[in-house]
N, C-alpha and C. Protein backbone atom coordinates (compact mmCIF):
# COMPACT_ATOMS: atom_id res chain seq x y z
N MET A 1 -11.10 -4.87 8.39
CA MET A 1 -10.95 -6.09 7.17
C MET A 1 -9.27 -5.93 7.11
N ARG A 2 -8.82 -7.06 6.76
CA ARG A 2 -7.41 -7.52 6.26
C ARG A 2 -7.47 -8.16 4.88
N LEU A 3 -6.62 -7.62 3.78
CA LEU A 3 -6.42 -8.44 2.57
C LEU A 3 -4.91 -9.01 2.78
N CYS A 4 -4.81 -10.22 2.21
CA CYS A 4 -3.48 -10.83 2.09
C CYS A 4 -3.20 -10.53 0.55
N VAL A 5 -1.94 -9.98 0.21
CA VAL A 5 -1.58 -9.74 -1.08
C VAL A 5 -0.10 -10.73 -1.11
N PHE A 6 -0.30 -11.38 -2.28
CA PHE A 6 0.84 -12.36 -2.75
C PHE A 6 1.36 -11.52 -3.85
N CYS A 7 2.77 -11.34 -3.83
CA CYS A 7 3.37 -10.63 -4.98
C CYS A 7 4.99 -10.98 -5.07
N GLY A 8 5.57 -10.54 -6.01
CA GLY A 8 6.89 -10.89 -6.36
C GLY A 8 7.97 -10.22 -5.20
N SER A 9 8.89 -11.01 -4.93
CA SER A 9 10.10 -10.43 -4.19
C SER A 9 11.05 -9.67 -5.26
N SER A 10 10.68 -9.66 -6.40
CA SER A 10 11.52 -8.95 -7.42
C SER A 10 10.58 -7.79 -7.93
N PRO A 11 11.02 -6.74 -8.51
CA PRO A 11 10.26 -5.61 -8.88
C PRO A 11 9.89 -6.13 -10.40
N GLY A 12 10.39 -6.99 -11.05
CA GLY A 12 9.96 -7.10 -12.40
C GLY A 12 10.57 -6.22 -13.46
N ASN A 13 10.48 -6.27 -14.71
CA ASN A 13 11.07 -5.60 -15.67
C ASN A 13 10.40 -4.44 -16.11
N GLN A 14 9.23 -4.11 -15.84
CA GLN A 14 8.42 -3.15 -16.12
C GLN A 14 8.15 -2.17 -15.08
N PRO A 15 8.45 -0.91 -15.15
CA PRO A 15 8.01 0.08 -13.85
C PRO A 15 6.58 -0.05 -13.50
N VAL A 16 5.69 -0.28 -14.48
CA VAL A 16 4.16 -0.51 -14.08
C VAL A 16 3.96 -1.44 -12.97
N TYR A 17 4.54 -2.45 -12.93
CA TYR A 17 4.33 -3.44 -11.74
C TYR A 17 4.67 -2.82 -10.47
N LEU A 18 5.85 -2.14 -10.26
CA LEU A 18 6.22 -1.39 -8.95
C LEU A 18 5.27 -0.61 -8.72
N GLU A 19 4.82 0.40 -9.64
CA GLU A 19 3.82 1.42 -9.51
C GLU A 19 2.38 0.80 -9.03
N ALA A 20 1.95 -0.30 -9.68
CA ALA A 20 0.71 -0.97 -9.21
C ALA A 20 0.81 -1.55 -7.75
N ALA A 21 1.88 -2.02 -7.47
CA ALA A 21 2.32 -2.43 -5.80
C ALA A 21 1.83 -1.26 -5.09
N GLN A 22 2.65 -0.21 -5.50
CA GLN A 22 2.62 1.01 -4.34
C GLN A 22 1.16 1.67 -4.37
N GLN A 23 0.48 1.59 -5.65
CA GLN A 23 -1.02 2.14 -5.62
C GLN A 23 -1.81 1.13 -4.73
N LEU A 24 -1.56 -0.20 -4.84
CA LEU A 24 -2.48 -1.26 -3.96
C LEU A 24 -2.13 -0.85 -2.50
N GLY A 25 -0.83 -0.77 -2.10
CA GLY A 25 -0.43 -0.52 -0.66
C GLY A 25 -1.23 0.67 -0.23
N THR A 26 -1.02 1.94 -1.10
CA THR A 26 -1.76 3.09 -0.44
C THR A 26 -3.12 3.11 -0.58
N ALA A 27 -3.90 2.32 -1.44
CA ALA A 27 -5.17 2.28 -1.56
C ALA A 27 -5.86 1.50 -0.49
N LEU A 28 -5.09 0.35 -0.18
CA LEU A 28 -5.48 -0.51 1.28
C LEU A 28 -5.43 0.48 2.54
N ALA A 29 -4.30 1.17 2.55
CA ALA A 29 -4.44 1.94 3.83
C ALA A 29 -5.42 3.22 3.86
N LYS A 30 -5.61 3.54 2.58
CA LYS A 30 -6.71 4.75 2.67
C LYS A 30 -7.99 4.25 2.88
N ALA A 31 -8.37 3.15 2.65
CA ALA A 31 -9.58 2.52 2.65
C ALA A 31 -9.62 1.94 4.10
N GLY A 32 -8.50 1.91 5.12
CA GLY A 32 -8.58 1.15 6.23
C GLY A 32 -8.54 -0.17 6.45
N ILE A 33 -7.90 -0.60 5.15
CA ILE A 33 -7.84 -1.93 5.10
C ILE A 33 -6.47 -2.54 5.60
N GLY A 34 -6.30 -3.47 6.47
CA GLY A 34 -5.02 -3.94 6.80
C GLY A 34 -4.31 -4.77 5.64
N LEU A 35 -3.06 -4.69 5.56
CA LEU A 35 -2.43 -5.42 4.71
C LEU A 35 -1.69 -6.81 5.35
N VAL A 36 -1.77 -7.75 4.93
CA VAL A 36 -0.98 -8.92 5.52
C VAL A 36 -0.22 -9.64 4.05
N TYR A 37 1.10 -9.96 4.41
CA TYR A 37 1.89 -10.17 2.99
C TYR A 37 3.28 -10.79 3.56
N GLY A 38 3.99 -11.13 2.89
CA GLY A 38 5.21 -12.06 3.10
C GLY A 38 6.24 -11.46 3.70
N GLY A 39 6.24 -10.28 4.29
CA GLY A 39 7.16 -9.75 5.31
C GLY A 39 8.49 -9.23 4.80
N ALA A 40 8.79 -9.18 3.41
CA ALA A 40 10.09 -8.94 2.85
C ALA A 40 10.08 -7.49 2.62
N GLN A 41 11.15 -6.85 2.49
CA GLN A 41 11.55 -5.61 2.08
C GLN A 41 11.99 -5.27 0.70
N VAL A 42 11.93 -6.39 -0.07
CA VAL A 42 12.66 -6.26 -1.33
C VAL A 42 11.37 -6.33 -2.41
N GLY A 43 11.60 -6.07 -3.59
CA GLY A 43 10.82 -6.20 -4.83
C GLY A 43 9.21 -5.58 -4.49
N LEU A 44 8.32 -6.06 -5.29
CA LEU A 44 6.90 -5.42 -5.16
C LEU A 44 6.39 -5.86 -3.74
N MET A 45 6.87 -6.60 -2.88
CA MET A 45 6.59 -6.90 -1.52
C MET A 45 6.74 -5.72 -0.79
N GLY A 46 8.03 -5.22 -0.79
CA GLY A 46 8.58 -4.06 -0.17
C GLY A 46 8.22 -2.77 -0.49
N ALA A 47 7.73 -2.50 -1.87
CA ALA A 47 7.28 -1.32 -2.28
C ALA A 47 5.82 -1.14 -1.80
N MET A 48 4.96 -2.37 -1.80
CA MET A 48 3.72 -2.16 -1.49
C MET A 48 3.40 -1.99 0.17
N ALA A 49 4.40 -2.82 0.90
CA ALA A 49 4.58 -2.47 2.27
C ALA A 49 4.78 -0.97 2.51
N ASP A 50 5.89 -0.47 1.90
CA ASP A 50 6.34 1.12 2.23
C ASP A 50 5.28 1.88 1.84
N ALA A 51 4.64 1.54 1.04
CA ALA A 51 3.40 2.61 0.36
C ALA A 51 2.41 2.69 1.25
N ALA A 52 1.96 1.25 2.02
CA ALA A 52 0.93 1.31 2.89
C ALA A 52 1.25 2.03 4.11
N LEU A 53 2.41 1.74 4.52
CA LEU A 53 2.93 2.41 5.91
C LEU A 53 2.91 3.86 5.68
N ALA A 54 3.37 4.51 4.60
CA ALA A 54 3.56 5.75 4.30
C ALA A 54 2.01 6.46 4.32
N ALA A 55 1.15 5.56 4.05
CA ALA A 55 -0.17 6.13 4.10
C ALA A 55 -0.89 5.95 5.32
N GLY A 56 -0.29 5.34 6.35
CA GLY A 56 -0.58 5.24 7.74
C GLY A 56 -1.36 3.91 7.64
N GLY A 57 -1.25 2.96 7.01
CA GLY A 57 -1.92 1.64 7.23
C GLY A 57 -1.35 0.65 8.20
N GLU A 58 -2.23 -0.30 8.45
CA GLU A 58 -1.49 -1.34 9.31
C GLU A 58 -0.92 -2.43 8.19
N VAL A 59 0.38 -2.77 8.52
CA VAL A 59 1.01 -3.75 7.58
C VAL A 59 1.58 -5.14 8.53
N LEU A 60 0.89 -6.28 8.48
CA LEU A 60 1.51 -7.41 9.03
C LEU A 60 2.29 -8.27 8.12
N GLY A 61 3.55 -8.57 8.61
CA GLY A 61 4.26 -9.44 7.55
C GLY A 61 4.59 -10.75 8.40
N VAL A 62 4.43 -11.83 7.66
CA VAL A 62 4.82 -13.15 7.97
C VAL A 62 5.99 -13.71 7.36
N ILE A 63 6.99 -14.06 7.84
CA ILE A 63 8.23 -14.24 7.12
C ILE A 63 9.08 -15.59 7.87
N PRO A 64 9.40 -16.60 7.00
CA PRO A 64 10.16 -17.60 7.68
C PRO A 64 11.48 -17.38 8.08
N ARG A 65 12.11 -17.80 9.27
CA ARG A 65 13.35 -17.48 9.79
C ARG A 65 14.40 -17.51 8.84
N GLN A 66 14.49 -18.49 7.83
CA GLN A 66 15.56 -18.63 6.79
C GLN A 66 15.56 -17.34 6.09
N LEU A 67 14.66 -16.55 5.82
CA LEU A 67 14.52 -15.48 5.12
C LEU A 67 14.91 -14.23 5.87
N VAL A 68 14.52 -14.21 7.20
CA VAL A 68 15.01 -13.27 8.33
C VAL A 68 16.57 -13.26 8.25
N GLU A 69 17.12 -14.51 8.32
CA GLU A 69 18.67 -14.79 8.20
C GLU A 69 19.38 -14.00 7.13
N ARG A 70 18.58 -14.26 5.97
CA ARG A 70 19.28 -13.66 4.48
C ARG A 70 18.93 -11.98 4.59
N GLU A 71 18.45 -11.46 5.77
CA GLU A 71 18.35 -10.14 5.69
C GLU A 71 17.39 -9.63 4.84
N LEU A 72 16.21 -10.38 4.47
CA LEU A 72 15.11 -9.99 3.71
C LEU A 72 13.89 -9.34 4.26
N ALA A 73 13.91 -9.38 5.60
CA ALA A 73 12.80 -9.09 6.48
C ALA A 73 12.60 -7.45 6.35
N HIS A 74 11.37 -6.93 6.42
CA HIS A 74 11.06 -5.59 6.56
C HIS A 74 10.96 -5.18 8.03
N SER A 75 11.96 -4.15 8.29
CA SER A 75 12.07 -3.84 9.86
C SER A 75 11.11 -2.92 10.26
N GLY A 76 10.25 -2.36 9.31
CA GLY A 76 9.55 -0.91 9.87
C GLY A 76 7.92 -1.53 9.72
N LEU A 77 7.64 -2.68 9.81
CA LEU A 77 6.19 -3.15 9.68
C LEU A 77 5.44 -2.66 11.31
N THR A 78 4.09 -2.72 11.08
CA THR A 78 3.18 -2.68 12.23
C THR A 78 3.45 -3.86 13.30
N GLU A 79 3.66 -5.07 12.59
CA GLU A 79 4.14 -6.22 13.17
C GLU A 79 4.72 -7.27 12.22
N LEU A 80 5.65 -7.97 12.69
CA LEU A 80 6.39 -8.97 11.88
C LEU A 80 6.65 -10.40 12.60
N ARG A 81 5.81 -11.23 11.85
CA ARG A 81 5.93 -12.44 12.74
C ARG A 81 6.70 -13.44 12.00
N GLU A 82 7.82 -13.95 12.63
CA GLU A 82 8.60 -15.03 12.18
C GLU A 82 8.22 -16.34 12.42
N VAL A 83 8.18 -17.05 11.36
CA VAL A 83 7.88 -18.58 11.50
C VAL A 83 8.80 -19.43 11.00
N GLY A 84 8.67 -20.62 11.17
CA GLY A 84 9.50 -21.86 10.99
C GLY A 84 9.61 -22.16 9.61
N SER A 85 8.55 -21.90 8.93
CA SER A 85 8.38 -22.74 7.35
C SER A 85 7.64 -21.80 6.63
N MET A 86 7.67 -22.30 5.33
CA MET A 86 6.67 -21.60 4.30
C MET A 86 5.19 -22.07 4.47
N HIS A 87 5.04 -23.34 5.03
CA HIS A 87 3.88 -23.72 5.24
C HIS A 87 3.09 -23.12 6.42
N GLU A 88 3.98 -22.84 7.38
CA GLU A 88 3.33 -22.16 8.65
C GLU A 88 3.00 -20.67 7.99
N ARG A 89 4.07 -20.04 7.22
CA ARG A 89 3.67 -18.59 6.78
C ARG A 89 2.37 -18.65 6.13
N LYS A 90 2.21 -19.57 5.25
CA LYS A 90 0.79 -19.53 4.36
C LYS A 90 -0.33 -19.63 5.20
N ALA A 91 -0.38 -20.61 6.17
CA ALA A 91 -1.30 -20.80 6.96
C ALA A 91 -1.75 -19.62 8.01
N ILE A 92 -0.74 -18.86 8.53
CA ILE A 92 -1.03 -17.77 9.16
C ILE A 92 -1.57 -16.61 8.62
N MET A 93 -0.92 -16.38 7.23
CA MET A 93 -1.17 -15.43 6.45
C MET A 93 -2.91 -15.67 6.23
N ALA A 94 -3.36 -16.78 5.74
CA ALA A 94 -4.64 -17.02 5.40
C ALA A 94 -5.65 -17.04 6.59
N ASP A 95 -5.25 -17.21 7.92
CA ASP A 95 -5.92 -16.89 9.03
C ASP A 95 -6.08 -15.46 9.43
N LEU A 96 -5.06 -14.65 9.02
CA LEU A 96 -5.18 -13.26 9.46
C LEU A 96 -6.05 -12.58 8.37
N SER A 97 -6.33 -13.09 7.36
CA SER A 97 -7.04 -12.21 6.35
C SER A 97 -8.30 -12.60 5.92
N ASP A 98 -9.01 -11.59 5.50
CA ASP A 98 -10.56 -11.76 4.85
C ASP A 98 -10.63 -11.84 3.38
N GLY A 99 -9.46 -12.06 2.72
CA GLY A 99 -9.49 -12.20 1.19
C GLY A 99 -7.85 -12.16 0.62
N PHE A 100 -7.78 -12.36 -0.80
CA PHE A 100 -6.51 -12.60 -1.07
C PHE A 100 -6.34 -12.05 -2.53
N ILE A 101 -5.38 -11.23 -2.89
CA ILE A 101 -5.04 -10.55 -3.90
C ILE A 101 -3.69 -11.02 -4.57
N ALA A 102 -3.56 -11.33 -5.61
CA ALA A 102 -2.13 -11.67 -6.32
C ALA A 102 -1.90 -10.49 -7.26
N LEU A 103 -0.84 -9.93 -7.00
CA LEU A 103 -0.27 -9.18 -8.03
C LEU A 103 0.78 -9.81 -8.76
N PRO A 104 1.77 -9.20 -9.80
CA PRO A 104 2.46 -9.93 -10.63
C PRO A 104 3.52 -10.57 -9.69
N GLY A 105 4.14 -11.83 -10.11
CA GLY A 105 5.01 -12.53 -9.18
C GLY A 105 5.32 -13.83 -9.96
N GLY A 106 6.28 -14.62 -9.23
CA GLY A 106 6.63 -15.83 -10.05
C GLY A 106 5.94 -17.14 -9.25
N VAL A 107 6.61 -18.37 -9.36
CA VAL A 107 6.25 -19.43 -8.75
C VAL A 107 5.54 -19.27 -7.41
N GLY A 108 6.15 -18.84 -6.62
CA GLY A 108 5.70 -18.66 -5.18
C GLY A 108 4.42 -17.97 -5.04
N THR A 109 4.23 -16.91 -5.76
CA THR A 109 3.08 -16.05 -6.00
C THR A 109 1.88 -17.09 -6.54
N PHE A 110 1.98 -17.69 -7.56
CA PHE A 110 1.26 -18.69 -8.23
C PHE A 110 0.58 -19.62 -7.22
N GLU A 111 1.78 -20.29 -6.69
CA GLU A 111 1.40 -21.40 -5.60
C GLU A 111 0.47 -20.80 -4.57
N GLU A 112 0.73 -19.86 -4.13
CA GLU A 112 0.06 -19.27 -2.92
C GLU A 112 -1.53 -18.91 -3.32
N LEU A 113 -1.57 -18.19 -4.27
CA LEU A 113 -2.96 -18.05 -4.95
C LEU A 113 -3.58 -19.29 -5.30
N PHE A 114 -3.12 -20.19 -5.89
CA PHE A 114 -3.56 -21.51 -6.28
C PHE A 114 -4.19 -22.13 -5.08
N GLU A 115 -3.29 -22.00 -4.08
CA GLU A 115 -3.73 -22.86 -2.73
C GLU A 115 -4.97 -22.17 -2.19
N VAL A 116 -5.06 -20.97 -1.77
CA VAL A 116 -6.23 -20.42 -1.33
C VAL A 116 -7.17 -20.52 -2.18
N TRP A 117 -7.21 -20.38 -3.39
CA TRP A 117 -8.29 -20.67 -4.41
C TRP A 117 -8.78 -21.97 -4.27
N THR A 118 -8.12 -23.02 -4.41
CA THR A 118 -8.28 -24.43 -4.13
C THR A 118 -9.17 -24.62 -2.86
N TRP A 119 -8.64 -24.03 -1.73
CA TRP A 119 -9.29 -23.90 -0.35
C TRP A 119 -10.79 -23.75 -0.51
N ALA A 120 -11.07 -22.52 -1.43
CA ALA A 120 -12.18 -21.81 -1.46
C ALA A 120 -13.17 -22.83 -2.20
N GLN A 121 -12.69 -23.35 -3.38
CA GLN A 121 -13.32 -24.31 -4.29
C GLN A 121 -13.95 -25.62 -3.28
N LEU A 122 -13.04 -26.01 -2.33
CA LEU A 122 -13.35 -27.10 -1.47
C LEU A 122 -14.25 -26.83 -0.30
N GLY A 123 -14.50 -25.44 -0.18
CA GLY A 123 -15.44 -25.06 0.96
C GLY A 123 -14.66 -24.62 2.28
N HIS A 124 -13.40 -24.72 2.15
CA HIS A 124 -12.57 -24.55 3.49
C HIS A 124 -12.84 -23.15 3.90
N HIS A 125 -13.00 -22.20 2.82
CA HIS A 125 -13.33 -20.64 3.39
C HIS A 125 -14.21 -20.13 2.28
N GLN A 126 -14.70 -18.92 2.46
CA GLN A 126 -15.53 -18.33 1.69
C GLN A 126 -14.99 -16.84 1.35
N LYS A 127 -13.92 -16.85 1.48
CA LYS A 127 -13.04 -15.42 1.28
C LYS A 127 -12.64 -15.17 -0.29
N PRO A 128 -12.73 -14.06 -0.67
CA PRO A 128 -12.37 -13.67 -2.24
C PRO A 128 -10.90 -13.99 -2.56
N CYS A 129 -10.65 -14.52 -3.74
CA CYS A 129 -9.46 -14.66 -4.31
C CYS A 129 -9.47 -13.87 -5.57
N ALA A 130 -8.36 -13.08 -5.88
CA ALA A 130 -8.38 -12.09 -7.07
C ALA A 130 -7.00 -12.11 -7.68
N LEU A 131 -6.84 -11.82 -8.77
CA LEU A 131 -5.78 -11.42 -9.40
C LEU A 131 -5.77 -10.05 -10.00
N LEU A 132 -4.75 -9.24 -9.81
CA LEU A 132 -4.62 -7.99 -10.41
C LEU A 132 -3.70 -8.17 -11.50
N ASN A 133 -4.52 -8.06 -12.73
CA ASN A 133 -3.80 -8.49 -13.95
C ASN A 133 -3.17 -7.05 -14.58
N VAL A 134 -1.99 -6.53 -13.90
CA VAL A 134 -1.25 -5.43 -14.19
C VAL A 134 -0.66 -5.58 -15.74
N HIS A 135 -0.93 -4.66 -16.34
CA HIS A 135 -0.25 -4.66 -17.67
C HIS A 135 -0.44 -5.86 -18.54
N GLY A 136 -1.43 -6.62 -18.22
CA GLY A 136 -1.65 -7.91 -19.04
C GLY A 136 -1.00 -8.91 -18.67
N TYR A 137 -0.09 -8.90 -17.46
CA TYR A 137 0.92 -9.82 -16.87
C TYR A 137 0.31 -11.35 -16.92
N TYR A 138 -1.18 -11.31 -16.40
CA TYR A 138 -1.82 -12.72 -16.22
C TYR A 138 -2.53 -13.09 -17.61
N ASP A 139 -2.58 -12.41 -18.63
CA ASP A 139 -3.45 -12.72 -19.80
C ASP A 139 -3.22 -14.29 -20.17
N LYS A 140 -2.17 -14.61 -20.21
CA LYS A 140 -2.09 -15.92 -20.75
C LYS A 140 -2.50 -17.01 -19.64
N LEU A 141 -2.16 -16.76 -18.47
CA LEU A 141 -2.83 -17.64 -17.44
C LEU A 141 -4.41 -17.76 -17.44
N ILE A 142 -4.89 -16.42 -17.46
CA ILE A 142 -6.34 -16.42 -17.36
C ILE A 142 -6.81 -17.06 -18.81
N ALA A 143 -6.32 -17.10 -19.86
CA ALA A 143 -6.59 -17.77 -21.10
C ALA A 143 -6.63 -19.48 -20.71
N PHE A 144 -5.42 -19.91 -20.14
CA PHE A 144 -5.25 -21.08 -19.82
C PHE A 144 -6.47 -21.63 -18.72
N LEU A 145 -6.69 -20.83 -17.94
CA LEU A 145 -7.82 -21.17 -16.87
C LEU A 145 -9.08 -21.38 -17.57
N ASP A 146 -9.42 -20.46 -18.49
CA ASP A 146 -10.50 -20.62 -19.44
C ASP A 146 -10.57 -21.97 -20.18
N HIS A 147 -9.35 -22.10 -20.71
CA HIS A 147 -9.05 -23.44 -21.41
C HIS A 147 -9.52 -24.58 -20.61
N SER A 148 -8.83 -24.59 -19.42
CA SER A 148 -9.22 -25.95 -18.44
C SER A 148 -10.68 -26.00 -18.19
N MET A 149 -11.42 -24.86 -18.06
CA MET A 149 -12.68 -25.01 -17.84
C MET A 149 -13.32 -25.63 -19.08
N ASN A 150 -12.97 -24.94 -20.28
CA ASN A 150 -13.68 -25.37 -21.39
C ASN A 150 -13.62 -26.83 -21.93
N GLU A 151 -12.40 -27.42 -21.33
CA GLU A 151 -11.83 -28.83 -21.39
C GLU A 151 -12.53 -29.72 -20.32
N GLY A 152 -13.31 -29.19 -19.42
CA GLY A 152 -14.09 -29.88 -18.37
C GLY A 152 -13.18 -30.31 -17.14
N PHE A 153 -12.06 -29.59 -17.01
CA PHE A 153 -11.27 -29.94 -15.78
C PHE A 153 -11.48 -28.73 -14.76
N MET A 154 -12.57 -27.89 -14.94
CA MET A 154 -12.80 -26.91 -13.94
C MET A 154 -14.10 -26.71 -14.08
N LYS A 155 -14.90 -26.62 -12.97
CA LYS A 155 -16.50 -25.99 -13.01
C LYS A 155 -16.47 -24.60 -13.19
N PRO A 156 -17.44 -24.14 -14.06
CA PRO A 156 -17.41 -22.85 -14.41
C PRO A 156 -17.60 -21.87 -13.17
N SER A 157 -18.31 -22.59 -12.28
CA SER A 157 -18.53 -21.77 -10.91
C SER A 157 -17.22 -21.61 -10.30
N TYR A 158 -16.29 -22.68 -10.39
CA TYR A 158 -14.97 -22.46 -9.72
C TYR A 158 -14.27 -21.40 -10.32
N ARG A 159 -14.33 -21.36 -11.84
CA ARG A 159 -13.49 -20.23 -12.50
C ARG A 159 -14.07 -19.10 -12.01
N GLU A 160 -15.33 -18.71 -11.94
CA GLU A 160 -16.04 -17.56 -11.62
C GLU A 160 -15.74 -17.24 -10.32
N MET A 161 -15.27 -18.08 -9.23
CA MET A 161 -14.73 -17.61 -8.11
C MET A 161 -13.49 -16.78 -8.17
N LEU A 162 -12.60 -16.91 -9.21
CA LEU A 162 -11.38 -16.04 -9.15
C LEU A 162 -11.69 -14.86 -9.97
N ILE A 163 -11.50 -13.61 -8.98
CA ILE A 163 -11.89 -12.09 -9.42
C ILE A 163 -10.50 -11.92 -10.26
N VAL A 164 -10.89 -11.09 -11.50
CA VAL A 164 -9.81 -10.66 -12.18
C VAL A 164 -10.07 -9.25 -12.70
N ALA A 165 -9.18 -8.32 -12.28
CA ALA A 165 -9.38 -6.84 -12.64
C ALA A 165 -8.10 -6.35 -13.03
N ALA A 166 -7.87 -5.17 -13.83
CA ALA A 166 -6.96 -4.62 -14.28
C ALA A 166 -6.29 -3.55 -13.47
N ASP A 167 -7.04 -2.92 -12.65
CA ASP A 167 -6.74 -1.71 -11.81
C ASP A 167 -7.06 -2.03 -10.37
N VAL A 168 -6.41 -1.17 -9.59
CA VAL A 168 -6.67 -1.23 -8.13
C VAL A 168 -8.07 -1.12 -7.66
N GLU A 169 -8.57 0.16 -8.18
CA GLU A 169 -9.86 0.47 -7.67
C GLU A 169 -10.80 -0.49 -8.10
N SER A 170 -10.85 -1.09 -9.24
CA SER A 170 -11.73 -2.09 -9.58
C SER A 170 -11.54 -3.53 -8.70
N ILE A 171 -10.22 -3.86 -8.53
CA ILE A 171 -10.14 -5.07 -7.72
C ILE A 171 -10.79 -4.84 -6.23
N LEU A 172 -10.45 -3.82 -5.60
CA LEU A 172 -10.83 -3.68 -4.31
C LEU A 172 -12.40 -3.54 -4.38
N ALA A 173 -13.00 -3.07 -5.06
CA ALA A 173 -14.60 -3.00 -5.06
C ALA A 173 -15.11 -4.31 -5.26
N ARG A 174 -14.35 -5.00 -6.20
CA ARG A 174 -14.99 -6.51 -6.37
C ARG A 174 -14.65 -7.38 -5.29
N VAL A 175 -13.62 -7.26 -4.95
CA VAL A 175 -13.33 -8.18 -3.59
C VAL A 175 -14.06 -7.63 -2.48
N LYS A 176 -14.45 -6.36 -2.28
CA LYS A 176 -15.54 -5.98 -1.10
C LYS A 176 -16.94 -6.44 -1.23
N ALA A 177 -17.19 -6.63 -2.59
CA ALA A 177 -18.70 -7.01 -2.95
C ALA A 177 -18.86 -8.55 -3.03
N TYR A 178 -17.63 -9.43 -3.04
CA TYR A 178 -17.64 -10.79 -3.29
C TYR A 178 -18.54 -11.42 -2.41
N GLU A 179 -19.26 -12.45 -3.06
CA GLU A 179 -20.22 -13.14 -2.19
C GLU A 179 -19.93 -14.77 -2.76
N ALA A 180 -19.54 -15.54 -1.94
CA ALA A 180 -19.07 -16.91 -2.33
C ALA A 180 -20.15 -17.82 -2.89
N PRO A 181 -19.98 -18.38 -3.91
CA PRO A 181 -21.02 -19.33 -4.40
C PRO A 181 -21.07 -20.64 -3.65
N PRO A 182 -22.25 -21.25 -3.66
CA PRO A 182 -22.38 -22.69 -3.11
C PRO A 182 -21.26 -23.55 -3.92
N THR A 183 -20.59 -24.48 -3.07
CA THR A 183 -19.59 -25.32 -3.74
C THR A 183 -19.97 -26.57 -3.61
N ALA A 184 -19.78 -27.37 -4.66
CA ALA A 184 -20.15 -28.89 -4.44
C ALA A 184 -18.60 -29.69 -4.59
N LYS A 185 -18.55 -30.62 -3.80
CA LYS A 185 -17.26 -31.30 -3.78
C LYS A 185 -16.66 -31.83 -4.98
N TRP A 186 -17.28 -32.39 -5.81
CA TRP A 186 -16.78 -33.06 -7.04
C TRP A 186 -17.66 -32.64 -8.23
N MET A 187 -16.78 -32.61 -9.49
CA MET A 187 -17.57 -32.17 -10.69
C MET A 187 -18.16 -33.49 -11.20
N GLY A 188 -19.35 -33.25 -11.96
CA GLY A 188 -20.07 -34.28 -12.65
C GLY A 188 -19.24 -34.58 -13.85
N ASN A 189 -19.63 -35.57 -14.72
CA ASN A 189 -19.13 -36.13 -15.88
C ASN A 189 -18.94 -34.91 -16.69
N ASN A 190 -20.05 -33.97 -16.76
CA ASN A 190 -20.23 -32.82 -17.81
C ASN A 190 -19.35 -31.68 -17.46
N GLY A 191 -18.68 -31.72 -16.18
CA GLY A 191 -17.86 -30.67 -15.78
C GLY A 191 -18.67 -29.46 -15.08
N ARG A 192 -20.05 -29.71 -14.94
CA ARG A 192 -21.06 -28.51 -14.28
C ARG A 192 -21.10 -28.87 -12.99
């Protein structure tokens, strides 16, 4: 099994974010789960990869050439794939992975998670999509997603597809136990 983790190329302002990235990297390796990620040596990305490698894990990075040229690529991974674009990066990461977890991050992290979650809603895959809500980082996003559902713009079954947990142990258990719900292409007038 391999899990793709989306996360920040910055460490964030709270030490707890870096600690969670390291905990997740270590936990994946100890569970025999390969890590697929964006291939950078910086921020939460680098800390998570380093922790997984230190614990003997398989770490696959996928990084666009322009970021390699900016010397952001991690040089000690199990495998590093250079690609031509962000679109190619995301497609390869998705193909290599059996599920997806988002740690704290910025717009790129949000976009990556929302894309794979949308693919799940459309039935393009049946892989788990999860948010590791470290230190309440995603509380306001979770509240907004619930608001979107309550306002009729998201099916409850689609909202339930997104796993949310506050700690590494819980998120890994829920990702492993995930069973995709049946999906319908479009919502009815009542949002159900």
